[in-house]
Amino acid sequence: MKSLITAFLWFIALVCLSLPAWLLYNSWNKGRLLNERLENCDDTLLTDSGVKVAQVISAPLGTTVTENATLVAVPNSLDQII
């Protein structure tokens, strides 16, 4: 009877350890696959339901797009606004 309880507890321990391990692997794998698709210029990324696409029509080269950011005009010099 004691060995049955021990086996059951080991089973519960393995399930509790494998779930976080699977979650970590799954998130790592998703990121790896996304990077691979970006490097290969995969056109299906534009229609994939798991990918959010932000369209920037006019922005200077090197601009970083931040979701839900407030735009602020910063003066380049004392009397000039960018």
C-alpha atoms as a PDB file:
ATOM      1  CA  MET A   1       0.000   0.000   0.000  1.00  0.00           C
ATOM      2  CA  LYS A   2       2.842   2.366   0.875  1.00  0.00           C
ATOM      3  CA  SER A   3       4.581   1.761  -2.481  1.00  0.00           C
ATOM      4  CA  LEU A   4       1.342   2.591  -4.322  1.00  0.00           C
ATOM      5  CA  ILE A   5       1.090   5.935  -2.516  1.00  0.00           C
ATOM      6  CA  THR A   6       4.760   6.638  -3.213  1.00  0.00           C
ATOM      7  CA  ALA A   7       4.280   5.855  -6.910  1.00  0.00           C
ATOM      8  CA  PHE A   8       1.222   8.108  -7.028  1.00  0.00           C
ATOM      9  CA  LEU A   9       3.131  10.975  -5.377  1.00  0.00           C
ATOM     10  CA  TRP A  10       6.019  10.539  -7.844  1.00  0.00           C
ATOM     11  CA  PHE A  11       3.500  10.689 -10.681  1.00  0.00           C
ATOM     12  CA  ILE A  12       2.046  13.930  -9.313  1.00  0.00           C
ATOM     13  CA  ALA A  13       5.574  15.349  -8.914  1.00  0.00           C
ATOM     14  CA  LEU A  14       6.445  14.499 -12.529  1.00  0.00           C
ATOM     15  CA  VAL A  15       3.255  16.127 -13.808  1.00  0.00           C
ATOM     16  CA  CYS A  16       3.960  19.244 -11.733  1.00  0.00           C
ATOM     17  CA  LEU A  17       7.506  19.457 -13.130  1.00  0.00           C
ATOM     18  CA  SER A  18       6.660  18.645 -16.726  1.00  0.00           C
ATOM     19  CA  LEU A  19       4.000  21.358 -17.103  1.00  0.00           C
ATOM     20  CA  PRO A  20       6.373  24.316 -16.474  1.00  0.00           C
ATOM     21  CA  ALA A  21       9.058  22.608 -18.572  1.00  0.00           C
ATOM     22  CA  TRP A  22       6.605  22.243 -21.467  1.00  0.00           C
ATOM     23  CA  LEU A  23       5.494  25.886 -21.116  1.00  0.00           C
ATOM     24  CA  LEU A  24       9.120  27.080 -21.247  1.00  0.00           C
ATOM     25  CA  TYR A  25       9.890  24.901 -24.261  1.00  0.00           C
ATOM     26  CA  ASN A  26       6.724  25.999 -26.046  1.00  0.00           C
ATOM     27  CA  SER A  27       7.442  29.728 -25.608  1.00  0.00           C
ATOM     28  CA  TRP A  28      11.085  29.264 -26.665  1.00  0.00           C
ATOM     29  CA  ASN A  29      10.029  27.298 -29.732  1.00  0.00           C
ATOM     30  CA  LYS A  30       7.414  29.902 -30.747  1.00  0.00           C
ATOM     31  CA  GLY A  31      10.025  32.656 -30.553  1.00  0.00           C
ATOM     32  CA  ARG A  32      12.512  30.596 -32.531  1.00  0.00           C
ATOM     33  CA  LEU A  33       9.968  29.845 -35.253  1.00  0.00           C
ATOM     34  CA  LEU A  34       8.910  33.496 -35.446  1.00  0.00           C
ATOM     35  CA  ASN A  35      12.515  34.647 -35.832  1.00  0.00           C
ATOM     36  CA  GLU A  36      13.052  32.025 -38.528  1.00  0.00           C
ATOM     37  CA  ARG A  37       9.939  33.171 -40.410  1.00  0.00           C
ATOM     38  CA  LEU A  38      11.032  36.817 -40.146  1.00  0.00           C
ATOM     39  CA  GLU A  39      14.505  35.993 -41.480  1.00  0.00           C
ATOM     40  CA  ASN A  40      12.946  34.128 -44.423  1.00  0.00           C
ATOM     41  CA  CYS A  41      10.493  37.014 -45.146  1.00  0.00           C
ATOM     42  CA  ASP A  42       7.524  34.655 -44.813  1.00  0.00           C
ATOM     43  CA  ASP A  43       4.492  36.322 -46.444  1.00  0.00           C
ATOM     44  CA  THR A  44       2.058  34.262 -44.362  1.00  0.00           C
ATOM     45  CA  LEU A  45       3.020  36.350 -41.308  1.00  0.00           C
ATOM     46  CA  LEU A  46       0.775  39.120 -42.655  1.00  0.00           C
ATOM     47  CA  THR A  47      -2.318  36.906 -42.424  1.00  0.00           C
ATOM     48  CA  ASP A  48      -1.376  34.769 -39.415  1.00  0.00           C
ATOM     49  CA  SER A  49      -3.892  35.179 -36.579  1.00  0.00           C
ATOM     50  CA  GLY A  50      -1.155  34.771 -33.949  1.00  0.00           C
ATOM     51  CA  VAL A  51       0.879  37.733 -35.203  1.00  0.00           C
ATOM     52  CA  LYS A  52      -0.050  41.367 -34.669  1.00  0.00           C
ATOM     53  CA  VAL A  53       0.904  43.609 -37.612  1.00  0.00           C
ATOM     54  CA  ALA A  54       1.423  47.353 -37.141  1.00  0.00           C
ATOM     55  CA  GLN A  55       1.542  49.407 -40.298  1.00  0.00           C
ATOM     56  CA  VAL A  56       3.721  52.509 -40.296  1.00  0.00           C
ATOM     57  CA  ILE A  57       3.194  54.635 -43.385  1.00  0.00           C
ATOM     58  CA  SER A  58       5.564  57.526 -42.735  1.00  0.00           C
ATOM     59  CA  ALA A  59       8.428  57.256 -40.301  1.00  0.00           C
ATOM     60  CA  PRO A  60      12.137  58.051 -40.488  1.00  0.00           C
ATOM     61  CA  LEU A  61      14.617  55.232 -41.010  1.00  0.00           C
ATOM     62  CA  GLY A  62      15.439  53.513 -37.723  1.00  0.00           C
ATOM     63  CA  THR A  63      12.150  54.423 -36.024  1.00  0.00           C
ATOM     64  CA  THR A  64      10.998  52.039 -33.303  1.00  0.00           C
ATOM     65  CA  VAL A  65       7.250  51.387 -33.131  1.00  0.00           C
ATOM     66  CA  THR A  66       5.902  51.064 -29.578  1.00  0.00           C
ATOM     67  CA  GLU A  67       2.332  49.893 -29.168  1.00  0.00           C
ATOM     68  CA  ASN A  68      -0.049  52.283 -27.352  1.00  0.00           C
ATOM     69  CA  ALA A  69       2.611  54.994 -27.070  1.00  0.00           C
ATOM     70  CA  THR A  70       1.754  58.681 -26.888  1.00  0.00           C
ATOM     71  CA  LEU A  71       3.453  60.794 -29.556  1.00  0.00           C
ATOM     72  CA  VAL A  72       5.417  63.743 -28.212  1.00  0.00           C
ATOM     73  CA  ALA A  73       7.103  66.469 -30.270  1.00  0.00           C
ATOM     74  CA  VAL A  74      10.601  67.052 -28.922  1.00  0.00           C
ATOM     75  CA  PRO A  75      12.394  70.271 -29.878  1.00  0.00           C
ATOM     76  CA  ASN A  76      15.568  69.675 -31.865  1.00  0.00           C
ATOM     77  CA  SER A  77      16.880  73.088 -30.857  1.00  0.00           C
ATOM     78  CA  LEU A  78      15.375  75.867 -28.790  1.00  0.00           C
ATOM     79  CA  ASP A  79      13.223  77.361 -31.557  1.00  0.00           C
ATOM     80  CA  GLN A  80      12.539  74.370 -33.804  1.00  0.00           C
ATOM     81  CA  ILE A  81      10.020  71.501 -33.490  1.00  0.00           C
ATOM     82  CA  ILE A  82      10.614  68.191 -35.246  1.00  0.00           C
END
